Amino acid sequence: MKSSHRVLYYNLLTSGKLYNYLADVERQAENLFEQTIKSLAEQEQVTEKLKAENMMLWVQKMNNISNRATEIVNEQVIYK
């Protein structure tokens, strides 16, 4: 933010609202990440049953979902 949105950064910093703004962005990012993981796991049928039957496949799929969710959050919340 400091390098890409300098004016906003300095306005928030000088008004004392920077940390509240960053906390709000973090909250939004965490919520979107959790919702996205849940949604993608449901769509791809990555369930506890799969976890019990084939742990390695479950881990592989969840890592893939987590990476995609991170990209979505970065695009929609962090880098907007």
PDB file of N, CA and C in Angstrom:
ATOM      1  N   MET A   1       0.832  -1.182   0.000  1.00  0.00           N
ATOM      2  CA  MET A   1       0.000   0.000   0.000  1.00  0.00           C
ATOM      3  C   MET A   1       0.880   1.251   0.000  1.00  0.00           C
ATOM      4  N   LYS A   2       1.944   1.186   0.753  1.00  0.00           N
ATOM      5  CA  LYS A   2       2.830   2.334   0.854  1.00  0.00           C
ATOM      6  C   LYS A   2       3.407   2.734  -0.502  1.00  0.00           C
ATOM      7  N   SER A   3       3.680   1.767  -1.356  1.00  0.00           N
ATOM      8  CA  SER A   3       4.275   2.095  -2.650  1.00  0.00           C
ATOM      9  C   SER A   3       3.244   2.258  -3.762  1.00  0.00           C
ATOM     10  N   SER A   4       2.101   1.572  -3.660  1.00  0.00           N
ATOM     11  CA  SER A   4       1.139   1.628  -4.761  1.00  0.00           C
ATOM     12  C   SER A   4       0.000   2.622  -4.541  1.00  0.00           C
ATOM     13  N   HIS A   5      -0.316   2.926  -3.304  1.00  0.00           N
ATOM     14  CA  HIS A   5      -1.384   3.883  -2.983  1.00  0.00           C
ATOM     15  C   HIS A   5      -0.852   4.909  -1.975  1.00  0.00           C
ATOM     16  N   ARG A   6       0.158   5.637  -2.403  1.00  0.00           N
ATOM     17  CA  ARG A   6       0.862   6.546  -1.496  1.00  0.00           C
ATOM     18  C   ARG A   6      -0.049   7.591  -0.850  1.00  0.00           C
ATOM     19  N   VAL A   7      -0.907   8.201  -1.628  1.00  0.00           N
ATOM     20  CA  VAL A   7      -1.763   9.271  -1.101  1.00  0.00           C
ATOM     21  C   VAL A   7      -2.695   8.714  -0.030  1.00  0.00           C
ATOM     22  N   LEU A   8      -3.348   7.609  -0.324  1.00  0.00           N
ATOM     23  CA  LEU A   8      -4.237   6.983   0.654  1.00  0.00           C
ATOM     24  C   LEU A   8      -3.456   6.583   1.899  1.00  0.00           C
ATOM     25  N   TYR A   9      -2.291   5.997   1.705  1.00  0.00           N
ATOM     26  CA  TYR A   9      -1.457   5.569   2.833  1.00  0.00           C
ATOM     27  C   TYR A   9      -1.133   6.753   3.745  1.00  0.00           C
ATOM     28  N   TYR A  10      -0.645   7.828   3.179  1.00  0.00           N
ATOM     29  CA  TYR A  10      -0.254   8.978   4.002  1.00  0.00           C
ATOM     30  C   TYR A  10      -1.462   9.682   4.615  1.00  0.00           C
ATOM     31  N   ASN A  11      -2.583   9.723   3.899  1.00  0.00           N
ATOM     32  CA  ASN A  11      -3.802  10.299   4.479  1.00  0.00           C
ATOM     33  C   ASN A  11      -4.253   9.499   5.694  1.00  0.00           C
ATOM     34  N   LEU A  12      -4.264   8.180   5.569  1.00  0.00           N
ATOM     35  CA  LEU A  12      -4.661   7.328   6.697  1.00  0.00           C
ATOM     36  C   LEU A  12      -3.651   7.416   7.835  1.00  0.00           C
ATOM     37  N   LEU A  13      -2.380   7.462   7.492  1.00  0.00           N
ATOM     38  CA  LEU A  13      -1.333   7.534   8.509  1.00  0.00           C
ATOM     39  C   LEU A  13      -1.427   8.831   9.307  1.00  0.00           C
ATOM     40  N   THR A  14      -1.586   9.940   8.617  1.00  0.00           N
ATOM     41  CA  THR A  14      -1.631  11.227   9.315  1.00  0.00           C
ATOM     42  C   THR A  14      -2.931  11.446  10.076  1.00  0.00           C
ATOM     43  N   SER A  15      -4.003  10.784   9.659  1.00  0.00           N
ATOM     44  CA  SER A  15      -5.274  10.940  10.372  1.00  0.00           C
ATOM     45  C   SER A  15      -5.416   9.927  11.509  1.00  0.00           C
ATOM     46  N   GLY A  16      -4.448   9.032  11.646  1.00  0.00           N
ATOM     47  CA  GLY A  16      -4.501   8.043  12.718  1.00  0.00           C
ATOM     48  C   GLY A  16      -5.440   6.883  12.436  1.00  0.00           C
ATOM     49  N   LYS A  17      -5.831   6.711  11.186  1.00  0.00           N
ATOM     50  CA  LYS A  17      -6.793   5.663  10.833  1.00  0.00           C
ATOM     51  C   LYS A  17      -6.155   4.488  10.096  1.00  0.00           C
ATOM     52  N   LEU A  18      -4.852   4.514   9.921  1.00  0.00           N
ATOM     53  CA  LEU A  18      -4.182   3.482   9.134  1.00  0.00           C
ATOM     54  C   LEU A  18      -4.369   2.096   9.736  1.00  0.00           C
ATOM     55  N   TYR A  19      -4.144   1.957  11.035  1.00  0.00           N
ATOM     56  CA  TYR A  19      -4.213   0.629  11.651  1.00  0.00           C
ATOM     57  C   TYR A  19      -5.636   0.082  11.657  1.00  0.00           C
ATOM     58  N   ASN A  20      -6.622   0.945  11.833  1.00  0.00           N
ATOM     59  CA  ASN A  20      -8.015   0.496  11.745  1.00  0.00           C
ATOM     60  C   ASN A  20      -8.346   0.047  10.322  1.00  0.00           C
ATOM     61  N   TYR A  21      -7.862   0.790   9.350  1.00  0.00           N
ATOM     62  CA  TYR A  21      -8.084   0.439   7.948  1.00  0.00           C
ATOM     63  C   TYR A  21      -7.444  -0.913   7.626  1.00  0.00           C
ATOM     64  N   LEU A  22      -6.206  -1.088   8.064  1.00  0.00           N
ATOM     65  CA  LEU A  22      -5.505  -2.349   7.800  1.00  0.00           C
ATOM     66  C   LEU A  22      -6.168  -3.523   8.514  1.00  0.00           C
ATOM     67  N   ALA A  23      -6.662  -3.298   9.720  1.00  0.00           N
ATOM     68  CA  ALA A  23      -7.367  -4.357  10.454  1.00  0.00           C
ATOM     69  C   ALA A  23      -8.651  -4.740   9.725  1.00  0.00           C
ATOM     70  N   ASP A  24      -9.344  -3.752   9.179  1.00  0.00           N
ATOM     71  CA  ASP A  24     -10.571  -4.023   8.426  1.00  0.00           C
ATOM     72  C   ASP A  24     -10.268  -4.811   7.150  1.00  0.00           C
ATOM     73  N   VAL A  25      -9.221  -4.434   6.452  1.00  0.00           N
ATOM     74  CA  VAL A  25      -8.823  -5.155   5.239  1.00  0.00           C
ATOM     75  C   VAL A  25      -8.447  -6.594   5.591  1.00  0.00           C
ATOM     76  N   GLU A  26      -7.737  -6.776   6.692  1.00  0.00           N
ATOM     77  CA  GLU A  26      -7.362  -8.130   7.112  1.00  0.00           C
ATOM     78  C   GLU A  26      -8.595  -8.970   7.432  1.00  0.00           C
ATOM     79  N   ARG A  27      -9.564  -8.372   8.119  1.00  0.00           N
ATOM     80  CA  ARG A  27     -10.814  -9.069   8.449  1.00  0.00           C
ATOM     81  C   ARG A  27     -11.549  -9.489   7.172  1.00  0.00           C
ATOM     82  N   GLN A  28     -11.642  -8.568   6.227  1.00  0.00           N
ATOM     83  CA  GLN A  28     -12.298  -8.873   4.954  1.00  0.00           C
ATOM     84  C   GLN A  28     -11.578 -10.004   4.226  1.00  0.00           C
ATOM     85  N   ALA A  29     -10.257  -9.945   4.220  1.00  0.00           N
ATOM     86  CA  ALA A  29      -9.466 -10.970   3.538  1.00  0.00           C
ATOM     87  C   ALA A  29      -9.655 -12.337   4.192  1.00  0.00           C
ATOM     88  N   GLU A  30      -9.636 -12.380   5.510  1.00  0.00           N
ATOM     89  CA  GLU A  30      -9.817 -13.654   6.217  1.00  0.00           C
ATOM     90  C   GLU A  30     -11.199 -14.239   5.953  1.00  0.00           C
ATOM     91  N   ASN A  31     -12.221 -13.390   5.996  1.00  0.00           N
ATOM     92  CA  ASN A  31     -13.587 -13.869   5.742  1.00  0.00           C
ATOM     93  C   ASN A  31     -13.736 -14.405   4.323  1.00  0.00           C
ATOM     94  N   LEU A  32     -13.231 -13.663   3.351  1.00  0.00           N
ATOM     95  CA  LEU A  32     -13.315 -14.108   1.962  1.00  0.00           C
ATOM     96  C   LEU A  32     -12.532 -15.401   1.763  1.00  0.00           C
ATOM     97  N   PHE A  33     -11.366 -15.508   2.385  1.00  0.00           N
ATOM     98  CA  PHE A  33     -10.544 -16.714   2.269  1.00  0.00           C
ATOM     99  C   PHE A  33     -11.299 -17.930   2.797  1.00  0.00           C
ATOM    100  N   GLU A  34     -11.879 -17.807   3.976  1.00  0.00           N
ATOM    101  CA  GLU A  34     -12.623 -18.922   4.574  1.00  0.00           C
ATOM    102  C   GLU A  34     -13.829 -19.311   3.721  1.00  0.00           C
ATOM    103  N   GLN A  35     -14.577 -18.314   3.252  1.00  0.00           N
ATOM    104  CA  GLN A  35     -15.749 -18.589   2.416  1.00  0.00           C
ATOM    105  C   GLN A  35     -15.344 -19.248   1.101  1.00  0.00           C
ATOM    106  N   THR A  36     -14.262 -18.772   0.515  1.00  0.00           N
ATOM    107  CA  THR A  36     -13.801 -19.311  -0.764  1.00  0.00           C
ATOM    108  C   THR A  36     -13.337 -20.755  -0.606  1.00  0.00           C
ATOM    109  N   ILE A  37     -12.597 -21.029   0.449  1.00  0.00           N
ATOM    110  CA  ILE A  37     -12.135 -22.408   0.700  1.00  0.00           C
ATOM    111  C   ILE A  37     -13.339 -23.330   0.863  1.00  0.00           C
ATOM    112  N   LYS A  38     -14.298 -22.903   1.662  1.00  0.00           N
ATOM    113  CA  LYS A  38     -15.484 -23.734   1.902  1.00  0.00           C
ATOM    114  C   LYS A  38     -16.236 -23.980   0.591  1.00  0.00           C
ATOM    115  N   SER A  39     -16.432 -22.934  -0.179  1.00  0.00           N
ATOM    116  CA  SER A  39     -17.168 -23.040  -1.437  1.00  0.00           C
ATOM    117  C   SER A  39     -16.454 -23.946  -2.440  1.00  0.00           C
ATOM    118  N   LEU A  40     -15.158 -23.746  -2.608  1.00  0.00           N
ATOM    119  CA  LEU A  40     -14.404 -24.561  -3.562  1.00  0.00           C
ATOM    120  C   LEU A  40     -14.354 -26.024  -3.123  1.00  0.00           C
ATOM    121  N   ALA A  41     -14.205 -26.252  -1.831  1.00  0.00           N
ATOM    122  CA  ALA A  41     -14.174 -27.631  -1.324  1.00  0.00           C
ATOM    123  C   ALA A  41     -15.512 -28.323  -1.578  1.00  0.00           C
ATOM    124  N   GLU A  42     -16.607 -27.600  -1.387  1.00  0.00           N
ATOM    125  CA  GLU A  42     -17.929 -28.174  -1.661  1.00  0.00           C
ATOM    126  C   GLU A  42     -18.104 -28.462  -3.150  1.00  0.00           C
ATOM    127  N   GLN A  43     -17.702 -27.525  -3.988  1.00  0.00           N
ATOM    128  CA  GLN A  43     -17.835 -27.697  -5.439  1.00  0.00           C
ATOM    129  C   GLN A  43     -17.044 -28.901  -5.940  1.00  0.00           C
ATOM    130  N   GLU A  44     -15.879 -29.119  -5.348  1.00  0.00           N
ATOM    131  CA  GLU A  44     -15.001 -30.193  -5.810  1.00  0.00           C
ATOM    132  C   GLU A  44     -15.143 -31.459  -4.973  1.00  0.00           C
ATOM    133  N   GLN A  45     -16.107 -31.460  -4.088  1.00  0.00           N
ATOM    134  CA  GLN A  45     -16.420 -32.611  -3.242  1.00  0.00           C
ATOM    135  C   GLN A  45     -15.204 -33.097  -2.450  1.00  0.00           C
ATOM    136  N   VAL A  46     -14.493 -32.150  -1.865  1.00  0.00           N
ATOM    137  CA  VAL A  46     -13.374 -32.466  -0.981  1.00  0.00           C
ATOM    138  C   VAL A  46     -13.958 -32.508   0.427  1.00  0.00           C
ATOM    139  N   THR A  47     -14.224 -33.709   0.895  1.00  0.00           N
ATOM    140  CA  THR A  47     -14.969 -33.909   2.135  1.00  0.00           C
ATOM    141  C   THR A  47     -14.133 -34.638   3.181  1.00  0.00           C
ATOM    142  N   GLU A  48     -14.708 -34.743   4.362  1.00  0.00           N
ATOM    143  CA  GLU A  48     -14.078 -35.515   5.429  1.00  0.00           C
ATOM    144  C   GLU A  48     -14.002 -36.993   5.049  1.00  0.00           C
ATOM    145  N   LYS A  49     -14.956 -37.438   4.250  1.00  0.00           N
ATOM    146  CA  LYS A  49     -14.936 -38.828   3.781  1.00  0.00           C
ATOM    147  C   LYS A  49     -13.694 -39.068   2.928  1.00  0.00           C
ATOM    148  N   LEU A  50     -13.410 -38.146   2.010  1.00  0.00           N
ATOM    149  CA  LEU A  50     -12.200 -38.255   1.193  1.00  0.00           C
ATOM    150  C   LEU A  50     -10.963 -38.225   2.078  1.00  0.00           C
ATOM    151  N   LYS A  51     -10.985 -37.366   3.081  1.00  0.00           N
ATOM    152  CA  LYS A  51      -9.855 -37.261   4.007  1.00  0.00           C
ATOM    153  C   LYS A  51      -9.594 -38.600   4.697  1.00  0.00           C
ATOM    154  N   ALA A  52     -10.660 -39.281   5.092  1.00  0.00           N
ATOM    155  CA  ALA A  52     -10.523 -40.574   5.771  1.00  0.00           C
ATOM    156  C   ALA A  52     -10.070 -41.670   4.808  1.00  0.00           C
ATOM    157  N   GLU A  53     -10.519 -41.595   3.562  1.00  0.00           N
ATOM    158  CA  GLU A  53     -10.218 -42.648   2.590  1.00  0.00           C
ATOM    159  C   GLU A  53      -8.853 -42.484   1.926  1.00  0.00           C
ATOM    160  N   ASN A  54      -8.495 -41.240   1.611  1.00  0.00           N
ATOM    161  CA  ASN A  54      -7.251 -40.999   0.879  1.00  0.00           C
ATOM    162  C   ASN A  54      -6.659 -39.664   1.329  1.00  0.00           C
ATOM    163  N   MET A  55      -5.908 -39.710   2.421  1.00  0.00           N
ATOM    164  CA  MET A  55      -5.366 -38.497   3.040  1.00  0.00           C
ATOM    165  C   MET A  55      -4.480 -37.701   2.080  1.00  0.00           C
ATOM    166  N   MET A  56      -3.633 -38.367   1.318  1.00  0.00           N
ATOM    167  CA  MET A  56      -2.722 -37.654   0.417  1.00  0.00           C
ATOM    168  C   MET A  56      -3.478 -36.902  -0.680  1.00  0.00           C
ATOM    169  N   LEU A  57      -4.496 -37.509  -1.238  1.00  0.00           N
ATOM    170  CA  LEU A  57      -5.310 -36.841  -2.253  1.00  0.00           C
ATOM    171  C   LEU A  57      -6.032 -35.649  -1.642  1.00  0.00           C
ATOM    172  N   TRP A  58      -6.560 -35.831  -0.435  1.00  0.00           N
ATOM    173  CA  TRP A  58      -7.258 -34.745   0.252  1.00  0.00           C
ATOM    174  C   TRP A  58      -6.314 -33.566   0.484  1.00  0.00           C
ATOM    175  N   VAL A  59      -5.098 -33.854   0.968  1.00  0.00           N
ATOM    176  CA  VAL A  59      -4.109 -32.794   1.212  1.00  0.00           C
ATOM    177  C   VAL A  59      -3.767 -32.084  -0.089  1.00  0.00           C
ATOM    178  N   GLN A  60      -3.569 -32.844  -1.145  1.00  0.00           N
ATOM    179  CA  GLN A  60      -3.250 -32.257  -2.450  1.00  0.00           C
ATOM    180  C   GLN A  60      -4.367 -31.323  -2.913  1.00  0.00           C
ATOM    181  N   LYS A  61      -5.592 -31.785  -2.825  1.00  0.00           N
ATOM    182  CA  LYS A  61      -6.730 -30.969  -3.263  1.00  0.00           C
ATOM    183  C   LYS A  61      -6.903 -29.737  -2.377  1.00  0.00           C
ATOM    184  N   MET A  62      -6.742 -29.894  -1.066  1.00  0.00           N
ATOM    185  CA  MET A  62      -6.899 -28.752  -0.165  1.00  0.00           C
ATOM    186  C   MET A  62      -5.788 -27.724  -0.373  1.00  0.00           C
ATOM    187  N   ASN A  63      -4.572 -28.169  -0.633  1.00  0.00           N
ATOM    188  CA  ASN A  63      -3.487 -27.232  -0.932  1.00  0.00           C
ATOM    189  C   ASN A  63      -3.782 -26.462  -2.214  1.00  0.00           C
ATOM    190  N   ASN A  64      -4.298 -27.144  -3.217  1.00  0.00           N
ATOM    191  CA  ASN A  64      -4.669 -26.498  -4.469  1.00  0.00           C
ATOM    192  C   ASN A  64      -5.770 -25.468  -4.229  1.00  0.00           C
ATOM    193  N   ILE A  65      -6.771 -25.851  -3.459  1.00  0.00           N
ATOM    194  CA  ILE A  65      -7.876 -24.939  -3.140  1.00  0.00           C
ATOM    195  C   ILE A  65      -7.364 -23.739  -2.354  1.00  0.00           C
ATOM    196  N   SER A  66      -6.492 -23.983  -1.399  1.00  0.00           N
ATOM    197  CA  SER A  66      -5.932 -22.903  -0.588  1.00  0.00           C
ATOM    198  C   SER A  66      -5.146 -21.915  -1.449  1.00  0.00           C
ATOM    199  N   ASN A  67      -4.353 -22.427  -2.372  1.00  0.00           N
ATOM    200  CA  ASN A  67      -3.587 -21.548  -3.267  1.00  0.00           C
ATOM    201  C   ASN A  67      -4.501 -20.706  -4.145  1.00  0.00           C
ATOM    202  N   ARG A  68      -5.557 -21.315  -4.668  1.00  0.00           N
ATOM    203  CA  ARG A  68      -6.507 -20.555  -5.497  1.00  0.00           C
ATOM    204  C   ARG A  68      -7.245 -19.524  -4.662  1.00  0.00           C
ATOM    205  N   ALA A  69      -7.627 -19.887  -3.444  1.00  0.00           N
ATOM    206  CA  ALA A  69      -8.321 -18.944  -2.564  1.00  0.00           C
ATOM    207  C   ALA A  69      -7.417 -17.758  -2.239  1.00  0.00           C
ATOM    208  N   THR A  70      -6.144 -18.022  -2.032  1.00  0.00           N
ATOM    209  CA  THR A  70      -5.187 -16.943  -1.766  1.00  0.00           C
ATOM    210  C   THR A  70      -5.116 -15.985  -2.949  1.00  0.00           C
ATOM    211  N   GLU A  71      -5.070 -16.520  -4.151  1.00  0.00           N
ATOM    212  CA  GLU A  71      -5.041 -15.677  -5.352  1.00  0.00           C
ATOM    213  C   GLU A  71      -6.309 -14.837  -5.469  1.00  0.00           C
ATOM    214  N   ILE A  72      -7.441 -15.424  -5.179  1.00  0.00           N
ATOM    215  CA  ILE A  72      -8.718 -14.701  -5.242  1.00  0.00           C
ATOM    216  C   ILE A  72      -8.735 -13.570  -4.229  1.00  0.00           C
ATOM    217  N   VAL A  73      -8.318 -13.845  -3.004  1.00  0.00           N
ATOM    218  CA  VAL A  73      -8.295 -12.822  -1.950  1.00  0.00           C
ATOM    219  C   VAL A  73      -7.325 -11.713  -2.321  1.00  0.00           C
ATOM    220  N   ASN A  74      -6.153 -12.075  -2.795  1.00  0.00           N
ATOM    221  CA  ASN A  74      -5.181 -11.053  -3.191  1.00  0.00           C
ATOM    222  C   ASN A  74      -5.746 -10.143  -4.272  1.00  0.00           C
ATOM    223  N   GLU A  75      -6.413 -10.722  -5.246  1.00  0.00           N
ATOM    224  CA  GLU A  75      -6.966  -9.935  -6.349  1.00  0.00           C
ATOM    225  C   GLU A  75      -8.128  -9.056  -5.899  1.00  0.00           C
ATOM    226  N   GLN A  76      -9.027  -9.594  -5.078  1.00  0.00           N
ATOM    227  CA  GLN A  76     -10.254  -8.879  -4.738  1.00  0.00           C
ATOM    228  C   GLN A  76     -10.130  -7.955  -3.532  1.00  0.00           C
ATOM    229  N   VAL A  77      -9.207  -8.250  -2.625  1.00  0.00           N
ATOM    230  CA  VAL A  77      -9.132  -7.450  -1.398  1.00  0.00           C
ATOM    231  C   VAL A  77      -7.784  -6.750  -1.254  1.00  0.00           C
ATOM    232  N   ILE A  78      -6.716  -7.474  -1.385  1.00  0.00           N
ATOM    233  CA  ILE A  78      -5.398  -6.933  -1.069  1.00  0.00           C
ATOM    234  C   ILE A  78      -4.899  -5.963  -2.137  1.00  0.00           C
ATOM    235  N   TYR A  79      -4.926  -6.360  -3.396  1.00  0.00           N
ATOM    236  CA  TYR A  79      -4.334  -5.548  -4.461  1.00  0.00           C
ATOM    237  C   TYR A  79      -5.322  -4.669  -5.199  1.00  0.00           C
ATOM    238  N   LYS A  80      -6.516  -4.480  -4.673  1.00  0.00           N
ATOM    239  CA  LYS A  80      -7.506  -3.677  -5.396  1.00  0.00           C
ATOM    240  C   LYS A  80      -7.212  -2.208  -5.327  1.00  0.00           C
TER     241      LYS A  80
END
